[in-house]
Amino acid sequence: MTATATLSSKYQISIPKAVREEQHWQAGQEFVFIPKGKGVLVMPVPEAAELAGIAKGARTEALRDRTDRV
């Protein structure tokens, strides 16, 4: 899918309807902008409930912290 938008004089961009529907984005949803070269990656900020268990199974031994840095 290719969709375009124009930056307004107030530096706002409307996300095309086809993109919003495909991504299931809703009004009021918060997004993060991550610079990537000459572009930017736009991603929705996950809700706390979506992050639950994200590190399940992660190794906890040999963790580093500020005390073991040179």
N, C-alpha and C. Protein backbone atom coordinates (compact mmCIF):
# COMPACT_ATOMS: atom_id res chain seq x y z
N MET A 1 0.85 -1.18 0.00
CA MET A 1 0.00 0.00 0.00
C MET A 1 0.89 1.23 0.00
N THR A 2 0.59 2.16 -0.87
CA THR A 2 1.28 3.43 -0.91
C THR A 2 0.28 4.52 -0.59
N ALA A 3 0.61 5.33 0.40
CA ALA A 3 -0.25 6.45 0.77
C ALA A 3 0.63 7.65 1.06
N THR A 4 0.14 8.82 0.74
CA THR A 4 0.91 10.04 0.99
C THR A 4 0.08 11.01 1.82
N ALA A 5 0.78 11.94 2.45
CA ALA A 5 0.13 12.99 3.23
C ALA A 5 1.00 14.24 3.10
N THR A 6 0.42 15.39 3.37
CA THR A 6 1.12 16.66 3.25
C THR A 6 1.24 17.30 4.63
N LEU A 7 2.43 17.81 4.93
CA LEU A 7 2.66 18.51 6.20
C LEU A 7 1.97 19.86 6.13
N SER A 8 1.11 20.16 7.12
CA SER A 8 0.36 21.42 7.13
C SER A 8 1.23 22.57 7.64
N SER A 9 0.71 23.78 7.55
CA SER A 9 1.43 24.95 8.05
C SER A 9 1.60 24.90 9.57
N LYS A 10 0.81 24.06 10.23
CA LYS A 10 0.92 23.87 11.69
C LYS A 10 1.78 22.65 12.01
N TYR A 11 2.48 22.12 11.01
CA TYR A 11 3.36 20.96 11.15
C TYR A 11 2.59 19.72 11.59
N GLN A 12 1.42 19.52 11.03
CA GLN A 12 0.61 18.35 11.32
C GLN A 12 0.44 17.53 10.05
N ILE A 13 0.32 16.21 10.25
CA ILE A 13 0.08 15.29 9.13
C ILE A 13 -1.12 14.43 9.50
N SER A 14 -2.04 14.29 8.57
CA SER A 14 -3.17 13.38 8.77
C SER A 14 -2.78 12.02 8.22
N ILE A 15 -2.97 11.00 9.02
CA ILE A 15 -2.64 9.64 8.58
C ILE A 15 -3.77 9.16 7.67
N PRO A 16 -3.43 8.72 6.47
CA PRO A 16 -4.47 8.28 5.54
C PRO A 16 -5.36 7.17 6.14
N LYS A 17 -6.64 7.21 5.79
CA LYS A 17 -7.62 6.28 6.34
C LYS A 17 -7.22 4.82 6.11
N ALA A 18 -6.71 4.51 4.93
CA ALA A 18 -6.32 3.12 4.62
C ALA A 18 -5.25 2.63 5.59
N VAL A 19 -4.30 3.50 5.95
CA VAL A 19 -3.23 3.13 6.89
C VAL A 19 -3.82 2.94 8.29
N ARG A 20 -4.65 3.89 8.73
CA ARG A 20 -5.28 3.79 10.06
C ARG A 20 -6.07 2.50 10.20
N GLU A 21 -6.84 2.17 9.18
CA GLU A 21 -7.66 0.97 9.25
C GLU A 21 -6.81 -0.30 9.24
N GLU A 22 -5.79 -0.34 8.39
CA GLU A 22 -4.94 -1.53 8.32
C GLU A 22 -4.19 -1.76 9.63
N GLN A 23 -3.75 -0.68 10.28
CA GLN A 23 -2.99 -0.78 11.52
C GLN A 23 -3.88 -0.79 12.77
N HIS A 24 -5.17 -0.56 12.59
CA HIS A 24 -6.13 -0.51 13.70
C HIS A 24 -5.79 0.61 14.68
N TRP A 25 -5.36 1.75 14.15
CA TRP A 25 -5.04 2.91 14.97
C TRP A 25 -6.31 3.69 15.27
N GLN A 26 -6.39 4.23 16.49
CA GLN A 26 -7.58 4.95 16.93
C GLN A 26 -7.23 6.39 17.31
N ALA A 27 -8.23 7.27 17.26
CA ALA A 27 -8.04 8.66 17.68
C ALA A 27 -7.64 8.68 19.16
N GLY A 28 -6.69 9.53 19.49
CA GLY A 28 -6.23 9.64 20.87
C GLY A 28 -5.08 8.71 21.22
N GLN A 29 -4.75 7.80 20.33
CA GLN A 29 -3.65 6.86 20.56
C GLN A 29 -2.33 7.63 20.53
N GLU A 30 -1.39 7.24 21.39
CA GLU A 30 -0.09 7.92 21.47
C GLU A 30 0.93 7.20 20.59
N PHE A 31 1.81 7.99 19.94
CA PHE A 31 2.81 7.44 19.04
C PHE A 31 4.20 7.94 19.40
N VAL A 32 5.21 7.15 19.02
CA VAL A 32 6.60 7.53 19.20
C VAL A 32 7.20 7.69 17.81
N PHE A 33 8.09 8.68 17.66
CA PHE A 33 8.76 8.95 16.40
C PHE A 33 10.24 8.62 16.56
N ILE A 34 10.73 7.69 15.76
CA ILE A 34 12.11 7.22 15.86
C ILE A 34 12.85 7.60 14.58
N PRO A 35 13.83 8.52 14.68
CA PRO A 35 14.58 8.93 13.48
C PRO A 35 15.34 7.74 12.88
N LYS A 36 15.24 7.59 11.56
CA LYS A 36 15.92 6.53 10.82
C LYS A 36 16.50 7.12 9.55
N GLY A 37 17.78 7.48 9.58
CA GLY A 37 18.40 8.08 8.40
C GLY A 37 17.70 9.38 8.03
N LYS A 38 17.20 9.46 6.80
CA LYS A 38 16.50 10.66 6.35
C LYS A 38 14.99 10.56 6.57
N GLY A 39 14.55 9.50 7.22
CA GLY A 39 13.12 9.29 7.46
C GLY A 39 12.84 9.15 8.95
N VAL A 40 11.65 8.69 9.23
CA VAL A 40 11.24 8.50 10.62
C VAL A 40 10.31 7.29 10.70
N LEU A 41 10.48 6.50 11.74
CA LEU A 41 9.63 5.35 12.00
C LEU A 41 8.57 5.79 13.00
N VAL A 42 7.31 5.61 12.68
CA VAL A 42 6.20 5.99 13.56
C VAL A 42 5.58 4.71 14.10
N MET A 43 5.56 4.61 15.43
CA MET A 43 5.01 3.41 16.06
C MET A 43 4.11 3.80 17.22
N PRO A 44 3.02 3.06 17.42
CA PRO A 44 2.18 3.34 18.57
C PRO A 44 2.90 2.95 19.86
N VAL A 45 2.72 3.76 20.89
CA VAL A 45 3.29 3.46 22.21
C VAL A 45 2.42 2.35 22.81
N PRO A 46 3.03 1.23 23.21
CA PRO A 46 2.22 0.14 23.76
C PRO A 46 1.64 0.49 25.13
N GLU A 47 0.47 -0.05 25.41
CA GLU A 47 -0.14 0.11 26.73
C GLU A 47 0.60 -0.80 27.70
N ALA A 48 0.56 -0.46 28.99
CA ALA A 48 1.27 -1.24 30.01
C ALA A 48 0.85 -2.71 29.97
N ALA A 49 -0.42 -2.98 29.75
CA ALA A 49 -0.91 -4.36 29.72
C ALA A 49 -0.29 -5.16 28.58
N GLU A 50 0.03 -4.49 27.47
CA GLU A 50 0.65 -5.17 26.34
C GLU A 50 2.09 -5.57 26.63
N LEU A 51 2.72 -4.92 27.61
CA LEU A 51 4.11 -5.21 27.94
C LEU A 51 4.25 -6.29 29.00
N ALA A 52 3.15 -6.67 29.62
CA ALA A 52 3.20 -7.70 30.66
C ALA A 52 3.77 -8.99 30.08
N GLY A 53 4.80 -9.51 30.73
CA GLY A 53 5.41 -10.77 30.32
C GLY A 53 6.39 -10.66 29.17
N ILE A 54 6.74 -9.45 28.75
CA ILE A 54 7.62 -9.27 27.60
C ILE A 54 9.01 -9.86 27.85
N ALA A 55 9.44 -9.88 29.10
CA ALA A 55 10.77 -10.41 29.41
C ALA A 55 10.70 -11.81 30.01
N LYS A 56 9.57 -12.47 29.88
CA LYS A 56 9.41 -13.82 30.42
C LYS A 56 10.45 -14.75 29.80
N GLY A 57 11.15 -15.45 30.65
CA GLY A 57 12.18 -16.37 30.19
C GLY A 57 13.55 -15.73 30.00
N ALA A 58 13.66 -14.43 30.27
CA ALA A 58 14.95 -13.76 30.11
C ALA A 58 15.92 -14.24 31.18
N ARG A 59 17.19 -14.37 30.80
CA ARG A 59 18.21 -14.80 31.76
C ARG A 59 18.44 -13.69 32.77
N THR A 60 18.46 -14.03 34.03
CA THR A 60 18.67 -13.04 35.08
C THR A 60 20.05 -13.14 35.72
N GLU A 61 20.78 -14.20 35.42
CA GLU A 61 22.13 -14.31 35.96
C GLU A 61 23.08 -13.47 35.11
N ALA A 62 24.14 -13.05 35.70
CA ALA A 62 25.17 -12.26 35.03
C ALA A 62 24.64 -10.94 34.49
N LEU A 63 23.72 -10.34 35.21
CA LEU A 63 23.24 -9.02 34.81
C LEU A 63 24.29 -7.97 35.12
N ARG A 64 24.38 -6.95 34.28
CA ARG A 64 25.32 -5.86 34.53
C ARG A 64 24.55 -4.66 35.03
N ASP A 65 25.20 -3.90 35.88
CA ASP A 65 24.62 -2.64 36.32
C ASP A 65 25.73 -1.60 36.38
N ARG A 66 25.44 -0.42 36.88
CA ARG A 66 26.42 0.65 36.89
C ARG A 66 27.65 0.35 37.75
N THR A 67 27.51 -0.50 38.74
CA THR A 67 28.64 -0.79 39.64
C THR A 67 29.73 -1.60 38.97
N ASP A 68 29.44 -2.34 37.92
CA ASP A 68 30.47 -3.16 37.29
C ASP A 68 31.02 -2.55 36.00
N ARG A 69 30.74 -1.29 35.76
CA ARG A 69 31.28 -0.60 34.59
C ARG A 69 32.54 0.14 34.96
N VAL A 70 33.43 0.27 34.00
CA VAL A 70 34.69 0.97 34.25
C VAL A 70 34.55 2.42 33.91
